[in-house]
N, C-alpha and C. Protein backbone atom coordinates (compact mmCIF):
# COMPACT_ATOMS: atom_id res chain seq x y z
N MET A 1 -13.92 16.50 12.66
CA MET A 1 -12.51 16.62 12.92
C MET A 1 -12.09 18.05 12.70
N LYS A 2 -11.23 18.54 13.55
CA LYS A 2 -10.79 19.93 13.43
C LYS A 2 -9.90 20.11 12.20
N ASN A 3 -9.80 21.34 11.77
CA ASN A 3 -8.95 21.63 10.61
C ASN A 3 -7.48 21.48 10.98
N LEU A 4 -6.73 20.90 10.10
CA LEU A 4 -5.30 20.73 10.31
C LEU A 4 -4.55 21.92 9.74
N ASN A 5 -3.45 22.28 10.39
CA ASN A 5 -2.63 23.32 9.78
C ASN A 5 -1.81 22.72 8.65
N GLN A 6 -1.12 23.54 7.91
CA GLN A 6 -0.41 23.08 6.72
C GLN A 6 0.67 22.05 7.04
N THR A 7 1.39 22.24 8.13
CA THR A 7 2.46 21.30 8.49
C THR A 7 1.88 19.93 8.82
N GLN A 8 0.81 19.90 9.60
CA GLN A 8 0.18 18.63 9.94
C GLN A 8 -0.37 17.95 8.69
N SER A 9 -0.93 18.72 7.80
CA SER A 9 -1.48 18.19 6.56
C SER A 9 -0.38 17.56 5.71
N LYS A 10 0.75 18.22 5.62
CA LYS A 10 1.87 17.68 4.84
C LYS A 10 2.44 16.41 5.48
N ILE A 11 2.48 16.39 6.81
CA ILE A 11 2.97 15.20 7.50
C ILE A 11 2.05 14.01 7.23
N PHE A 12 0.73 14.24 7.30
CA PHE A 12 -0.21 13.15 7.01
C PHE A 12 -0.11 12.69 5.56
N THR A 13 0.14 13.62 4.64
CA THR A 13 0.32 13.25 3.24
C THR A 13 1.54 12.35 3.09
N LEU A 14 2.65 12.72 3.71
CA LEU A 14 3.87 11.91 3.62
C LEU A 14 3.69 10.56 4.31
N LEU A 15 2.97 10.52 5.43
CA LEU A 15 2.69 9.24 6.07
C LEU A 15 1.83 8.35 5.17
N GLY A 16 0.88 8.96 4.47
CA GLY A 16 0.07 8.21 3.52
C GLY A 16 0.91 7.66 2.38
N LEU A 17 1.85 8.45 1.90
CA LEU A 17 2.74 8.01 0.83
C LEU A 17 3.63 6.86 1.29
N ILE A 18 4.17 6.97 2.49
CA ILE A 18 5.01 5.90 3.04
C ILE A 18 4.20 4.63 3.24
N SER A 19 2.96 4.80 3.72
CA SER A 19 2.09 3.63 3.91
C SER A 19 1.75 2.97 2.58
N LEU A 20 1.67 3.74 1.53
CA LEU A 20 1.37 3.19 0.21
C LEU A 20 2.56 2.46 -0.39
N LEU A 21 3.76 2.85 -0.03
CA LEU A 21 4.96 2.22 -0.58
C LEU A 21 5.09 0.75 -0.16
N ILE A 22 4.58 0.40 1.01
CA ILE A 22 4.70 -0.98 1.48
C ILE A 22 3.90 -1.94 0.61
N PRO A 23 2.61 -1.68 0.32
CA PRO A 23 1.89 -2.59 -0.59
C PRO A 23 2.48 -2.59 -2.00
N PHE A 24 2.93 -1.44 -2.48
CA PHE A 24 3.55 -1.40 -3.80
C PHE A 24 4.83 -2.23 -3.85
N SER A 25 5.60 -2.21 -2.77
CA SER A 25 6.83 -3.00 -2.76
C SER A 25 6.52 -4.50 -2.72
N ILE A 26 5.43 -4.89 -2.04
CA ILE A 26 5.04 -6.30 -2.02
C ILE A 26 4.65 -6.75 -3.43
N TYR A 27 3.86 -5.93 -4.12
CA TYR A 27 3.47 -6.30 -5.49
C TYR A 27 4.66 -6.24 -6.45
N GLY A 28 5.54 -5.28 -6.24
CA GLY A 28 6.74 -5.21 -7.06
C GLY A 28 7.61 -6.44 -6.89
N LEU A 29 7.71 -6.91 -5.66
CA LEU A 29 8.48 -8.14 -5.40
C LEU A 29 7.83 -9.33 -6.08
N TRP A 30 6.49 -9.40 -6.05
CA TRP A 30 5.81 -10.51 -6.72
C TRP A 30 6.05 -10.47 -8.23
N ILE A 31 6.02 -9.30 -8.83
CA ILE A 31 6.29 -9.17 -10.27
C ILE A 31 7.72 -9.60 -10.58
N TYR A 32 8.66 -9.26 -9.70
CA TYR A 32 10.05 -9.67 -9.88
C TYR A 32 10.18 -11.19 -9.78
N VAL A 33 9.48 -11.81 -8.86
CA VAL A 33 9.59 -13.25 -8.61
C VAL A 33 8.95 -14.06 -9.73
N ILE A 34 8.01 -13.50 -10.45
CA ILE A 34 7.33 -14.24 -11.52
C ILE A 34 8.33 -14.81 -12.52
N ASP A 35 9.39 -14.08 -12.80
CA ASP A 35 10.38 -14.53 -13.78
C ASP A 35 11.39 -15.52 -13.21
N LEU A 36 11.43 -15.70 -11.91
CA LEU A 36 12.46 -16.54 -11.31
C LEU A 36 12.12 -18.02 -11.27
N GLY A 37 10.88 -18.36 -11.07
CA GLY A 37 10.50 -19.76 -10.95
C GLY A 37 9.87 -20.28 -12.22
N THR A 38 9.90 -21.61 -12.38
CA THR A 38 9.30 -22.20 -13.56
C THR A 38 7.86 -22.62 -13.32
N THR A 39 7.53 -22.98 -12.08
CA THR A 39 6.16 -23.35 -11.75
C THR A 39 5.63 -22.38 -10.70
N GLN A 40 4.31 -22.38 -10.53
CA GLN A 40 3.69 -21.50 -9.55
C GLN A 40 4.15 -21.83 -8.13
N LYS A 41 4.32 -23.11 -7.85
CA LYS A 41 4.77 -23.54 -6.53
C LYS A 41 6.17 -23.00 -6.23
N GLU A 42 7.06 -23.03 -7.21
CA GLU A 42 8.41 -22.49 -7.03
C GLU A 42 8.37 -20.98 -6.83
N ARG A 43 7.52 -20.30 -7.59
CA ARG A 43 7.41 -18.84 -7.46
C ARG A 43 6.92 -18.45 -6.07
N VAL A 44 5.94 -19.16 -5.57
CA VAL A 44 5.41 -18.86 -4.24
C VAL A 44 6.49 -19.12 -3.18
N ALA A 45 7.24 -20.19 -3.33
CA ALA A 45 8.31 -20.51 -2.37
C ALA A 45 9.39 -19.44 -2.39
N ILE A 46 9.77 -18.98 -3.57
CA ILE A 46 10.77 -17.91 -3.68
C ILE A 46 10.24 -16.62 -3.07
N PHE A 47 8.97 -16.30 -3.34
CA PHE A 47 8.35 -15.09 -2.80
C PHE A 47 8.32 -15.12 -1.28
N LYS A 48 7.96 -16.27 -0.71
CA LYS A 48 7.88 -16.38 0.75
C LYS A 48 9.26 -16.33 1.41
N ASP A 49 10.30 -16.70 0.67
CA ASP A 49 11.66 -16.65 1.23
C ASP A 49 12.12 -15.22 1.51
N TYR A 50 11.51 -14.24 0.88
CA TYR A 50 11.89 -12.85 1.10
C TYR A 50 11.31 -12.27 2.39
N PHE A 51 10.36 -12.96 3.00
CA PHE A 51 9.68 -12.45 4.18
C PHE A 51 10.05 -13.26 5.41
N PRO A 52 9.90 -12.66 6.60
CA PRO A 52 10.15 -13.44 7.83
C PRO A 52 9.10 -14.53 8.00
N ASP A 53 9.37 -15.45 8.93
CA ASP A 53 8.52 -16.62 9.11
C ASP A 53 7.08 -16.28 9.47
N PHE A 54 6.85 -15.21 10.24
CA PHE A 54 5.48 -14.90 10.64
C PHE A 54 4.64 -14.35 9.49
N LEU A 55 5.26 -14.03 8.36
CA LEU A 55 4.52 -13.58 7.18
C LEU A 55 4.43 -14.66 6.10
N ASN A 56 4.66 -15.89 6.46
CA ASN A 56 4.62 -16.98 5.47
C ASN A 56 3.28 -17.69 5.41
N GLY A 57 2.28 -17.17 6.09
CA GLY A 57 0.94 -17.77 6.02
C GLY A 57 0.31 -17.50 4.66
N ARG A 58 -0.85 -18.11 4.44
CA ARG A 58 -1.49 -17.99 3.13
C ARG A 58 -1.89 -16.55 2.81
N TRP A 59 -2.46 -15.85 3.77
CA TRP A 59 -2.97 -14.50 3.51
C TRP A 59 -2.17 -13.42 4.23
N SER A 60 -1.05 -13.75 4.81
CA SER A 60 -0.31 -12.79 5.65
C SER A 60 0.11 -11.54 4.89
N THR A 61 0.74 -11.70 3.75
CA THR A 61 1.19 -10.52 3.01
C THR A 61 0.02 -9.75 2.42
N THR A 62 -1.05 -10.46 2.07
CA THR A 62 -2.23 -9.77 1.55
C THR A 62 -2.90 -8.94 2.64
N LEU A 63 -3.02 -9.50 3.83
CA LEU A 63 -3.61 -8.76 4.94
C LEU A 63 -2.73 -7.58 5.35
N LEU A 64 -1.43 -7.77 5.31
CA LEU A 64 -0.51 -6.66 5.59
C LEU A 64 -0.69 -5.55 4.56
N SER A 65 -0.81 -5.93 3.32
CA SER A 65 -1.02 -4.95 2.25
C SER A 65 -2.36 -4.24 2.41
N ILE A 66 -3.41 -4.95 2.77
CA ILE A 66 -4.71 -4.34 3.00
C ILE A 66 -4.65 -3.35 4.15
N PHE A 67 -3.97 -3.71 5.23
CA PHE A 67 -3.83 -2.82 6.37
C PHE A 67 -3.14 -1.51 5.97
N PHE A 68 -2.04 -1.61 5.25
CA PHE A 68 -1.31 -0.40 4.88
C PHE A 68 -2.04 0.41 3.81
N CYS A 69 -2.81 -0.23 2.96
CA CYS A 69 -3.65 0.52 2.01
C CYS A 69 -4.71 1.32 2.75
N ALA A 70 -5.35 0.68 3.73
CA ALA A 70 -6.38 1.37 4.52
C ALA A 70 -5.76 2.52 5.32
N LEU A 71 -4.57 2.30 5.84
CA LEU A 71 -3.87 3.35 6.58
C LEU A 71 -3.52 4.51 5.67
N SER A 72 -3.09 4.20 4.47
CA SER A 72 -2.76 5.23 3.49
C SER A 72 -4.00 6.03 3.09
N ILE A 73 -5.12 5.35 2.90
CA ILE A 73 -6.37 6.04 2.57
C ILE A 73 -6.77 6.97 3.71
N THR A 74 -6.63 6.50 4.94
CA THR A 74 -6.99 7.30 6.10
C THR A 74 -6.13 8.56 6.19
N PHE A 75 -4.83 8.40 6.07
CA PHE A 75 -3.93 9.56 6.14
C PHE A 75 -4.21 10.54 5.00
N SER A 76 -4.41 10.03 3.83
CA SER A 76 -4.66 10.89 2.68
C SER A 76 -5.99 11.62 2.81
N PHE A 77 -7.00 10.92 3.31
CA PHE A 77 -8.31 11.54 3.48
C PHE A 77 -8.27 12.63 4.55
N MET A 78 -7.43 12.44 5.57
CA MET A 78 -7.32 13.44 6.63
C MET A 78 -6.72 14.74 6.12
N SER A 79 -5.87 14.67 5.13
CA SER A 79 -5.17 15.87 4.66
C SER A 79 -5.60 16.29 3.26
N ILE A 80 -6.73 15.83 2.79
CA ILE A 80 -7.17 16.12 1.42
C ILE A 80 -7.56 17.59 1.25
N LYS A 81 -7.88 18.27 2.32
CA LYS A 81 -8.33 19.66 2.22
C LYS A 81 -7.18 20.64 2.31
N SER A 82 -6.00 20.20 1.97
CA SER A 82 -4.83 21.08 1.96
C SER A 82 -5.05 22.20 0.95
N SER A 83 -4.59 23.40 1.29
CA SER A 83 -4.84 24.54 0.42
C SER A 83 -3.83 24.65 -0.74
N GLU A 84 -2.71 23.97 -0.61
CA GLU A 84 -1.71 24.04 -1.67
C GLU A 84 -2.04 23.01 -2.76
N LYS A 85 -1.97 23.46 -4.01
CA LYS A 85 -2.41 22.64 -5.14
C LYS A 85 -1.57 21.37 -5.29
N LEU A 86 -0.25 21.47 -5.15
CA LEU A 86 0.63 20.31 -5.31
C LEU A 86 0.30 19.23 -4.29
N TRP A 87 0.08 19.60 -3.04
CA TRP A 87 -0.22 18.64 -1.99
C TRP A 87 -1.61 18.04 -2.19
N LYS A 88 -2.54 18.84 -2.72
CA LYS A 88 -3.88 18.34 -3.00
C LYS A 88 -3.84 17.29 -4.11
N ILE A 89 -3.05 17.55 -5.14
CA ILE A 89 -2.89 16.58 -6.23
C ILE A 89 -2.22 15.30 -5.72
N LEU A 90 -1.19 15.45 -4.90
CA LEU A 90 -0.50 14.29 -4.34
C LEU A 90 -1.45 13.46 -3.48
N ASN A 91 -2.28 14.13 -2.69
CA ASN A 91 -3.26 13.40 -1.87
C ASN A 91 -4.26 12.65 -2.74
N ASN A 92 -4.70 13.25 -3.81
CA ASN A 92 -5.64 12.56 -4.72
C ASN A 92 -4.99 11.35 -5.37
N ILE A 93 -3.74 11.47 -5.78
CA ILE A 93 -3.02 10.34 -6.37
C ILE A 93 -2.86 9.21 -5.35
N ILE A 94 -2.50 9.57 -4.13
CA ILE A 94 -2.35 8.56 -3.07
C ILE A 94 -3.69 7.90 -2.78
N LEU A 95 -4.74 8.68 -2.71
CA LEU A 95 -6.07 8.15 -2.42
C LEU A 95 -6.55 7.20 -3.51
N ILE A 96 -6.38 7.57 -4.75
CA ILE A 96 -6.80 6.73 -5.87
C ILE A 96 -5.95 5.46 -5.95
N SER A 97 -4.64 5.61 -5.83
CA SER A 97 -3.75 4.44 -5.90
C SER A 97 -4.02 3.46 -4.76
N SER A 98 -4.19 3.99 -3.57
CA SER A 98 -4.47 3.14 -2.41
C SER A 98 -5.80 2.42 -2.56
N SER A 99 -6.80 3.12 -3.05
CA SER A 99 -8.11 2.51 -3.24
C SER A 99 -8.06 1.39 -4.27
N LEU A 100 -7.39 1.63 -5.38
CA LEU A 100 -7.28 0.59 -6.42
C LEU A 100 -6.49 -0.61 -5.92
N LEU A 101 -5.41 -0.36 -5.20
CA LEU A 101 -4.60 -1.46 -4.67
C LEU A 101 -5.36 -2.22 -3.59
N LEU A 102 -6.17 -1.53 -2.81
CA LEU A 102 -7.00 -2.18 -1.81
C LEU A 102 -8.03 -3.09 -2.48
N LEU A 103 -8.66 -2.60 -3.53
CA LEU A 103 -9.62 -3.43 -4.27
C LEU A 103 -8.94 -4.63 -4.90
N LEU A 104 -7.75 -4.44 -5.45
CA LEU A 104 -7.00 -5.55 -6.03
C LEU A 104 -6.71 -6.61 -4.98
N ASN A 105 -6.30 -6.17 -3.80
CA ASN A 105 -6.02 -7.13 -2.72
C ASN A 105 -7.28 -7.86 -2.28
N LEU A 106 -8.36 -7.13 -2.14
CA LEU A 106 -9.61 -7.77 -1.71
C LEU A 106 -10.13 -8.77 -2.75
N LEU A 107 -10.04 -8.39 -4.01
CA LEU A 107 -10.49 -9.30 -5.07
C LEU A 107 -9.58 -10.51 -5.23
N SER A 108 -8.31 -10.34 -4.91
CA SER A 108 -7.39 -11.49 -5.02
C SER A 108 -7.66 -12.52 -3.92
N MET A 109 -8.37 -12.14 -2.89
CA MET A 109 -8.67 -13.08 -1.81
C MET A 109 -9.88 -13.95 -2.13
N MET A 110 -10.62 -13.61 -3.17
CA MET A 110 -11.82 -14.39 -3.51
C MET A 110 -11.47 -15.69 -4.19
């Protein structure tokens, strides 16, 4: 792959960050819902009420989260060779967070 200029690298970093926010928001919503229901069945029903009907399948939100984690890893990996230290650190944080969240999603499917 050809070298990216600084602007393209920053855009890919921001796209990676935005892609990472979607899986984090799904997990944040699940943590919020844990306190709302008394049984696991009630918690799952409350959690599914926050999403549209096409995301109410058993693995729909998990697969969506896996997709956006992989997208975030891809964007971050594309711009990891940025010459500015702040952007390089941000890319590493995005890459590590996305990888850990991807593993969490994959292991939760077992």
